Amino acid sequence: PPYNSQLYGRYSVRFKADAVPGFKVAWLLWPVSKQWPQDGEVDFPEGDLSKVIYAALHGIGPDGHTFDVFRPNVPFTDWHVATTEWSPGRIEFFLDGKSIGVATSMVPNTPMRYLLQTESCLTGCPAPEASGHVYVDWVAIWARN
């Protein structure tokens, strides 16, 4: 499949980051079709590195683009494992082995690819002297049986 994509699966990443205001991550499942938000988007972990981790699911609702957010209220500064389990009609998010939420609406049903998107300037650009690190220990991806 293109871009090493798959339909459904389990995705885990072990990570931590320095608290650097103005930088964020949105490590996500992005539709191979590039049809956004129609074919969805699944983000976990996501958030400003100086704030807290959350998970987000984007899709189409009655009024167009909409999203659900799951907030465990945990900072990026310690080691964590974020896991997304995506199956037909259901996505469950786990942080450090504990479920932080289940989505059963807007669940994508087309092939997705996994991206580690790390960026700046979405909610204010970082100060010129800002510096820090995002650490990735490992990433694991499983196909659905």
N, C-alpha and C. Protein backbone atom coordinates (compact mmCIF):
# COMPACT_ATOMS: atom_id res chain seq x y z
N PRO A 1 0.82 -1.21 0.00
CA PRO A 1 0.00 0.00 0.00
C PRO A 1 0.86 1.27 0.00
N PRO A 2 0.33 2.36 -0.51
CA PRO A 2 1.14 3.59 -0.58
C PRO A 2 1.49 4.12 0.81
N TYR A 3 2.66 4.75 0.91
CA TYR A 3 3.12 5.40 2.14
C TYR A 3 3.18 4.45 3.33
N ASN A 4 3.33 3.17 3.11
CA ASN A 4 3.31 2.20 4.20
C ASN A 4 2.04 2.32 5.03
N SER A 5 0.93 2.55 4.36
CA SER A 5 -0.34 2.74 5.04
C SER A 5 -1.01 1.41 5.34
N GLN A 6 -2.06 1.51 6.15
CA GLN A 6 -2.89 0.34 6.41
C GLN A 6 -4.27 0.81 6.85
N LEU A 7 -5.21 -0.12 6.76
CA LEU A 7 -6.56 0.12 7.24
C LEU A 7 -6.69 -0.58 8.59
N TYR A 8 -6.82 0.22 9.65
CA TYR A 8 -6.93 -0.25 11.04
C TYR A 8 -5.57 -0.73 11.55
N GLY A 9 -5.46 -0.81 12.86
CA GLY A 9 -4.21 -1.25 13.45
C GLY A 9 -4.00 -0.65 14.83
N ARG A 10 -2.82 -0.91 15.36
CA ARG A 10 -2.42 -0.42 16.68
C ARG A 10 -1.10 0.31 16.52
N TYR A 11 -1.01 1.49 17.14
CA TYR A 11 0.15 2.36 16.99
C TYR A 11 0.60 2.80 18.38
N SER A 12 1.87 2.60 18.70
CA SER A 12 2.41 3.03 20.00
C SER A 12 3.72 3.77 19.79
N VAL A 13 3.94 4.74 20.65
CA VAL A 13 5.20 5.48 20.64
C VAL A 13 5.58 5.80 22.08
N ARG A 14 6.87 5.61 22.41
CA ARG A 14 7.39 5.99 23.73
C ARG A 14 8.20 7.25 23.53
N PHE A 15 7.89 8.28 24.33
CA PHE A 15 8.43 9.62 24.06
C PHE A 15 8.48 10.45 25.34
N LYS A 16 9.19 11.54 25.26
CA LYS A 16 9.11 12.64 26.22
C LYS A 16 9.66 13.87 25.51
N ALA A 17 9.39 15.04 26.10
CA ALA A 17 9.86 16.28 25.47
C ALA A 17 10.15 17.32 26.53
N ASP A 18 11.07 18.19 26.21
CA ASP A 18 11.29 19.36 27.05
C ASP A 18 10.10 20.30 26.89
N ALA A 19 9.80 21.06 27.94
CA ALA A 19 8.67 22.00 27.92
C ALA A 19 9.11 23.28 27.21
N VAL A 20 8.93 23.32 25.89
CA VAL A 20 9.37 24.46 25.09
C VAL A 20 8.13 25.16 24.53
N PRO A 21 7.76 26.32 25.08
CA PRO A 21 6.58 27.03 24.57
C PRO A 21 6.73 27.37 23.09
N GLY A 22 5.62 27.22 22.35
CA GLY A 22 5.62 27.54 20.93
C GLY A 22 5.89 26.36 20.02
N PHE A 23 6.33 25.23 20.59
CA PHE A 23 6.53 24.02 19.81
C PHE A 23 5.48 23.00 20.22
N LYS A 24 5.03 22.19 19.26
CA LYS A 24 4.01 21.19 19.58
C LYS A 24 4.24 19.94 18.75
N VAL A 25 3.57 18.88 19.16
CA VAL A 25 3.53 17.66 18.36
C VAL A 25 2.08 17.36 18.02
N ALA A 26 1.91 16.73 16.89
CA ALA A 26 0.63 16.14 16.48
C ALA A 26 1.04 14.88 15.72
N TRP A 27 1.28 13.82 16.47
CA TRP A 27 1.69 12.55 15.86
C TRP A 27 0.40 11.85 15.48
N LEU A 28 0.24 11.58 14.19
CA LEU A 28 -1.09 11.32 13.68
C LEU A 28 -1.18 10.25 12.63
N LEU A 29 -2.42 9.79 12.49
CA LEU A 29 -2.84 8.98 11.35
C LEU A 29 -3.50 9.93 10.37
N TRP A 30 -2.97 9.98 9.15
CA TRP A 30 -3.42 10.90 8.11
C TRP A 30 -3.93 10.08 6.92
N PRO A 31 -5.06 10.47 6.33
CA PRO A 31 -5.62 9.66 5.24
C PRO A 31 -4.74 9.66 3.99
N VAL A 32 -4.51 8.47 3.46
CA VAL A 32 -3.76 8.33 2.22
C VAL A 32 -4.44 9.13 1.11
N SER A 33 -5.76 9.22 1.15
CA SER A 33 -6.53 9.96 0.14
C SER A 33 -6.24 11.45 0.17
N LYS A 34 -5.70 11.94 1.28
CA LYS A 34 -5.47 13.37 1.53
C LYS A 34 -6.77 14.17 1.56
N GLN A 35 -7.89 13.48 1.68
CA GLN A 35 -9.20 14.14 1.76
C GLN A 35 -9.51 14.43 3.22
N TRP A 36 -9.22 15.68 3.62
CA TRP A 36 -9.41 16.09 5.00
C TRP A 36 -10.45 17.19 5.05
N PRO A 37 -11.38 17.17 5.94
CA PRO A 37 -11.55 16.23 7.04
C PRO A 37 -12.44 15.03 6.71
N GLN A 38 -12.86 14.91 5.45
CA GLN A 38 -13.80 13.84 5.08
C GLN A 38 -13.33 12.46 5.49
N ASP A 39 -12.06 12.15 5.27
CA ASP A 39 -11.55 10.82 5.59
C ASP A 39 -10.87 10.77 6.96
N GLY A 40 -11.00 11.85 7.74
CA GLY A 40 -10.57 11.84 9.12
C GLY A 40 -9.12 12.18 9.37
N GLU A 41 -8.81 12.23 10.66
CA GLU A 41 -7.45 12.45 11.17
C GLU A 41 -7.48 12.01 12.62
N VAL A 42 -6.45 11.28 13.03
CA VAL A 42 -6.37 10.78 14.40
C VAL A 42 -5.04 11.23 14.97
N ASP A 43 -5.06 12.05 16.03
CA ASP A 43 -3.84 12.62 16.60
C ASP A 43 -3.64 12.12 18.03
N PHE A 44 -2.48 11.50 18.28
CA PHE A 44 -2.12 11.12 19.65
C PHE A 44 -0.68 10.64 19.67
N PRO A 45 0.17 11.27 20.47
CA PRO A 45 -0.09 12.41 21.31
C PRO A 45 -0.12 13.70 20.51
N GLU A 46 -0.85 14.68 21.04
CA GLU A 46 -0.88 16.01 20.47
C GLU A 46 -0.78 17.01 21.60
N GLY A 47 -0.25 18.21 21.31
CA GLY A 47 -0.24 19.28 22.29
C GLY A 47 1.01 20.13 22.24
N ASP A 48 0.90 21.31 22.83
CA ASP A 48 2.02 22.23 23.01
C ASP A 48 2.96 21.59 24.03
N LEU A 49 4.24 21.56 23.73
CA LEU A 49 5.20 20.87 24.60
C LEU A 49 5.27 21.47 26.00
N SER A 50 4.86 22.72 26.17
CA SER A 50 4.90 23.35 27.49
C SER A 50 3.59 23.15 28.25
N LYS A 51 2.65 22.44 27.64
CA LYS A 51 1.35 22.23 28.27
C LYS A 51 1.13 20.74 28.51
N VAL A 52 -0.02 20.19 28.09
CA VAL A 52 -0.34 18.80 28.37
C VAL A 52 -0.68 18.03 27.10
N ILE A 53 -0.55 16.72 27.21
CA ILE A 53 -0.84 15.77 26.13
C ILE A 53 -2.35 15.63 25.98
N TYR A 54 -2.80 15.49 24.73
CA TYR A 54 -4.20 15.11 24.49
C TYR A 54 -4.27 14.27 23.23
N ALA A 55 -5.45 13.68 23.02
CA ALA A 55 -5.74 12.93 21.79
C ALA A 55 -6.90 13.65 21.10
N ALA A 56 -6.89 13.64 19.77
CA ALA A 56 -7.97 14.29 19.01
C ALA A 56 -8.34 13.43 17.81
N LEU A 57 -9.63 13.44 17.53
CA LEU A 57 -10.17 12.73 16.37
C LEU A 57 -10.96 13.73 15.55
N HIS A 58 -10.57 13.92 14.29
CA HIS A 58 -11.22 14.89 13.40
C HIS A 58 -12.08 14.16 12.37
N GLY A 59 -13.17 14.79 11.99
CA GLY A 59 -14.04 14.23 10.96
C GLY A 59 -15.10 15.22 10.56
N ILE A 60 -16.15 14.70 9.96
CA ILE A 60 -17.26 15.52 9.49
C ILE A 60 -18.47 15.28 10.38
N GLY A 61 -19.05 16.36 10.87
CA GLY A 61 -20.29 16.30 11.64
C GLY A 61 -21.40 17.00 10.88
N PRO A 62 -22.53 17.22 11.50
CA PRO A 62 -23.67 17.86 10.83
C PRO A 62 -23.35 19.25 10.28
N ASP A 63 -22.41 19.96 10.93
CA ASP A 63 -22.08 21.32 10.50
C ASP A 63 -20.69 21.41 9.86
N GLY A 64 -20.18 20.30 9.33
CA GLY A 64 -18.86 20.32 8.71
C GLY A 64 -17.80 19.74 9.63
N HIS A 65 -16.57 20.28 9.52
CA HIS A 65 -15.44 19.77 10.32
C HIS A 65 -15.77 19.84 11.80
N THR A 66 -15.52 18.75 12.48
CA THR A 66 -15.70 18.69 13.93
C THR A 66 -14.63 17.77 14.50
N PHE A 67 -14.50 17.77 15.82
CA PHE A 67 -13.50 16.90 16.44
C PHE A 67 -13.89 16.58 17.87
N ASP A 68 -13.37 15.44 18.34
CA ASP A 68 -13.48 15.03 19.72
C ASP A 68 -12.08 15.09 20.32
N VAL A 69 -11.99 15.49 21.59
CA VAL A 69 -10.70 15.59 22.26
C VAL A 69 -10.77 14.83 23.58
N PHE A 70 -9.70 14.11 23.89
CA PHE A 70 -9.58 13.35 25.13
C PHE A 70 -8.36 13.89 25.87
N ARG A 71 -8.57 14.37 27.09
CA ARG A 71 -7.51 15.08 27.83
C ARG A 71 -7.14 14.37 29.13
N PRO A 72 -6.01 13.67 29.16
CA PRO A 72 -5.58 13.04 30.41
C PRO A 72 -4.90 14.01 31.38
N ASN A 73 -4.61 15.26 30.93
CA ASN A 73 -4.01 16.29 31.77
C ASN A 73 -2.65 15.86 32.31
N VAL A 74 -1.79 15.40 31.42
CA VAL A 74 -0.45 14.91 31.77
C VAL A 74 0.57 15.67 30.92
N PRO A 75 1.65 16.19 31.53
CA PRO A 75 2.66 16.92 30.75
C PRO A 75 3.55 16.01 29.91
N PHE A 76 4.25 16.61 28.97
CA PHE A 76 5.15 15.90 28.06
C PHE A 76 6.50 15.57 28.68
N THR A 77 6.80 16.11 29.87
CA THR A 77 8.17 16.12 30.38
C THR A 77 8.65 14.81 30.99
N ASP A 78 7.79 13.82 31.15
CA ASP A 78 8.20 12.49 31.61
C ASP A 78 8.03 11.49 30.47
N TRP A 79 8.68 10.35 30.59
CA TRP A 79 8.51 9.31 29.58
C TRP A 79 7.08 8.78 29.62
N HIS A 80 6.48 8.63 28.43
CA HIS A 80 5.12 8.10 28.29
C HIS A 80 5.06 7.18 27.09
N VAL A 81 4.05 6.30 27.09
CA VAL A 81 3.71 5.50 25.92
C VAL A 81 2.28 5.86 25.53
N ALA A 82 2.15 6.37 24.31
CA ALA A 82 0.83 6.70 23.76
C ALA A 82 0.46 5.63 22.74
N THR A 83 -0.71 5.04 22.91
CA THR A 83 -1.17 3.96 22.03
C THR A 83 -2.54 4.29 21.49
N THR A 84 -2.68 4.09 20.18
CA THR A 84 -3.97 4.25 19.50
C THR A 84 -4.36 2.90 18.93
N GLU A 85 -5.54 2.40 19.31
CA GLU A 85 -6.07 1.16 18.75
C GLU A 85 -7.26 1.52 17.87
N TRP A 86 -7.10 1.28 16.57
CA TRP A 86 -8.07 1.68 15.56
C TRP A 86 -8.67 0.44 14.93
N SER A 87 -9.96 0.26 15.06
CA SER A 87 -10.67 -0.87 14.48
C SER A 87 -11.97 -0.36 13.86
N PRO A 88 -12.70 -1.20 13.12
CA PRO A 88 -13.92 -0.71 12.47
C PRO A 88 -14.89 -0.11 13.49
N GLY A 89 -15.21 1.17 13.30
CA GLY A 89 -16.18 1.85 14.15
C GLY A 89 -15.71 2.21 15.54
N ARG A 90 -14.41 2.08 15.82
CA ARG A 90 -13.94 2.32 17.19
C ARG A 90 -12.46 2.71 17.21
N ILE A 91 -12.15 3.73 18.01
CA ILE A 91 -10.77 4.09 18.30
C ILE A 91 -10.67 4.25 19.81
N GLU A 92 -9.65 3.62 20.40
CA GLU A 92 -9.40 3.80 21.82
C GLU A 92 -7.98 4.32 22.00
N PHE A 93 -7.85 5.31 22.88
CA PHE A 93 -6.56 5.92 23.18
C PHE A 93 -6.10 5.49 24.56
N PHE A 94 -4.83 5.09 24.66
CA PHE A 94 -4.23 4.67 25.93
C PHE A 94 -3.00 5.51 26.19
N LEU A 95 -2.84 5.98 27.41
CA LEU A 95 -1.62 6.65 27.83
C LEU A 95 -1.05 5.84 28.98
N ASP A 96 0.16 5.34 28.77
CA ASP A 96 0.84 4.51 29.77
C ASP A 96 -0.03 3.32 30.19
N GLY A 97 -0.71 2.72 29.23
CA GLY A 97 -1.50 1.52 29.46
C GLY A 97 -2.90 1.76 29.99
N LYS A 98 -3.25 3.01 30.26
CA LYS A 98 -4.57 3.33 30.80
C LYS A 98 -5.42 4.02 29.74
N SER A 99 -6.65 3.54 29.54
CA SER A 99 -7.53 4.14 28.55
C SER A 99 -7.88 5.57 28.95
N ILE A 100 -7.75 6.49 28.00
CA ILE A 100 -8.16 7.88 28.25
C ILE A 100 -9.43 8.22 27.47
N GLY A 101 -9.93 7.28 26.66
CA GLY A 101 -11.16 7.55 25.94
C GLY A 101 -11.37 6.64 24.76
N VAL A 102 -12.64 6.51 24.39
CA VAL A 102 -13.06 5.70 23.25
C VAL A 102 -13.93 6.57 22.34
N ALA A 103 -13.67 6.51 21.06
CA ALA A 103 -14.50 7.20 20.08
C ALA A 103 -15.21 6.15 19.22
N THR A 104 -16.49 6.36 18.98
CA THR A 104 -17.24 5.45 18.11
C THR A 104 -17.94 6.21 16.99
N SER A 105 -17.76 7.52 16.93
CA SER A 105 -18.26 8.28 15.79
C SER A 105 -17.07 8.93 15.09
N MET A 106 -17.22 9.20 13.82
CA MET A 106 -16.17 9.79 12.98
C MET A 106 -14.94 8.91 12.85
N VAL A 107 -15.06 7.62 13.09
CA VAL A 107 -13.91 6.72 13.00
C VAL A 107 -13.57 6.52 11.51
N PRO A 108 -12.34 6.84 11.12
CA PRO A 108 -11.96 6.67 9.71
C PRO A 108 -12.11 5.22 9.24
N ASN A 109 -12.46 5.06 7.97
CA ASN A 109 -12.60 3.72 7.39
C ASN A 109 -11.89 3.62 6.04
N THR A 110 -10.85 4.45 5.88
CA THR A 110 -10.00 4.38 4.69
C THR A 110 -8.54 4.28 5.16
N PRO A 111 -7.64 3.79 4.32
CA PRO A 111 -6.25 3.62 4.73
C PRO A 111 -5.62 4.93 5.23
N MET A 112 -4.81 4.79 6.27
CA MET A 112 -4.12 5.92 6.88
C MET A 112 -2.62 5.61 6.96
N ARG A 113 -1.82 6.67 7.09
CA ARG A 113 -0.39 6.51 7.33
C ARG A 113 -0.02 7.25 8.60
N TYR A 114 1.00 6.77 9.31
CA TYR A 114 1.40 7.33 10.59
C TYR A 114 2.54 8.31 10.40
N LEU A 115 2.39 9.51 10.98
CA LEU A 115 3.38 10.57 10.84
C LEU A 115 3.73 11.15 12.20
N LEU A 116 5.00 11.46 12.43
CA LEU A 116 5.43 12.14 13.64
C LEU A 116 5.62 13.62 13.29
N GLN A 117 4.53 14.36 13.31
CA GLN A 117 4.54 15.78 12.94
C GLN A 117 4.91 16.61 14.17
N THR A 118 6.01 17.33 14.07
CA THR A 118 6.49 18.19 15.15
C THR A 118 6.69 19.57 14.54
N GLU A 119 6.13 20.60 15.19
CA GLU A 119 6.03 21.89 14.52
C GLU A 119 6.04 23.04 15.51
N SER A 120 6.01 24.26 14.96
CA SER A 120 5.98 25.46 15.78
C SER A 120 4.99 26.46 15.19
N CYS A 121 4.73 27.50 15.95
CA CYS A 121 3.98 28.67 15.50
C CYS A 121 2.49 28.47 15.28
N LEU A 122 1.89 27.43 15.82
CA LEU A 122 0.44 27.28 15.66
C LEU A 122 -0.33 28.17 16.64
N THR A 123 0.16 28.30 17.86
CA THR A 123 -0.52 29.13 18.86
C THR A 123 0.44 30.18 19.39
N GLY A 124 1.28 30.71 18.53
CA GLY A 124 2.31 31.66 18.92
C GLY A 124 3.67 31.07 18.68
N CYS A 125 4.52 31.83 18.02
CA CYS A 125 5.85 31.33 17.69
C CYS A 125 6.74 31.32 18.93
N PRO A 126 7.70 30.39 18.96
CA PRO A 126 8.61 30.34 20.10
C PRO A 126 9.54 31.56 20.11
N ALA A 127 10.04 31.88 21.29
CA ALA A 127 11.04 32.94 21.42
C ALA A 127 12.29 32.52 20.65
N PRO A 128 13.04 33.49 20.10
CA PRO A 128 14.24 33.14 19.33
C PRO A 128 15.24 32.28 20.11
N GLU A 129 15.30 32.44 21.43
CA GLU A 129 16.26 31.67 22.23
C GLU A 129 15.70 30.33 22.70
N ALA A 130 14.47 30.01 22.33
CA ALA A 130 13.86 28.74 22.76
C ALA A 130 14.63 27.56 22.19
N SER A 131 14.86 26.58 23.04
CA SER A 131 15.51 25.36 22.57
C SER A 131 15.10 24.21 23.46
N GLY A 132 15.24 23.03 22.94
CA GLY A 132 14.89 21.84 23.70
C GLY A 132 14.90 20.63 22.80
N HIS A 133 14.40 19.52 23.34
CA HIS A 133 14.43 18.26 22.62
C HIS A 133 13.11 17.54 22.71
N VAL A 134 12.81 16.78 21.67
CA VAL A 134 11.74 15.80 21.68
C VAL A 134 12.45 14.45 21.55
N TYR A 135 12.19 13.56 22.48
CA TYR A 135 12.85 12.26 22.50
C TYR A 135 11.86 11.17 22.10
N VAL A 136 12.27 10.34 21.16
CA VAL A 136 11.48 9.18 20.75
C VAL A 136 12.32 7.95 21.02
N ASP A 137 11.85 7.11 21.94
CA ASP A 137 12.58 5.89 22.28
C ASP A 137 12.27 4.81 21.26
N TRP A 138 10.97 4.64 20.93
CA TRP A 138 10.58 3.64 19.94
C TRP A 138 9.18 3.94 19.41
N VAL A 139 8.92 3.39 18.25
CA VAL A 139 7.59 3.42 17.62
C VAL A 139 7.29 1.98 17.20
N ALA A 140 6.07 1.54 17.45
CA ALA A 140 5.65 0.20 17.02
C ALA A 140 4.29 0.29 16.35
N ILE A 141 4.15 -0.44 15.25
CA ILE A 141 2.89 -0.44 14.50
C ILE A 141 2.51 -1.89 14.23
N TRP A 142 1.27 -2.21 14.56
CA TRP A 142 0.75 -3.55 14.33
C TRP A 142 -0.40 -3.47 13.34
N ALA A 143 -0.49 -4.46 12.46
CA ALA A 143 -1.63 -4.59 11.56
C ALA A 143 -2.77 -5.26 12.31
N ARG A 144 -3.99 -4.96 11.90
CA ARG A 144 -5.14 -5.61 12.51
C ARG A 144 -5.24 -7.03 11.98
N ASN A 145 -5.51 -7.98 12.86
CA ASN A 145 -5.70 -9.38 12.43
C ASN A 145 -7.06 -9.57 11.80
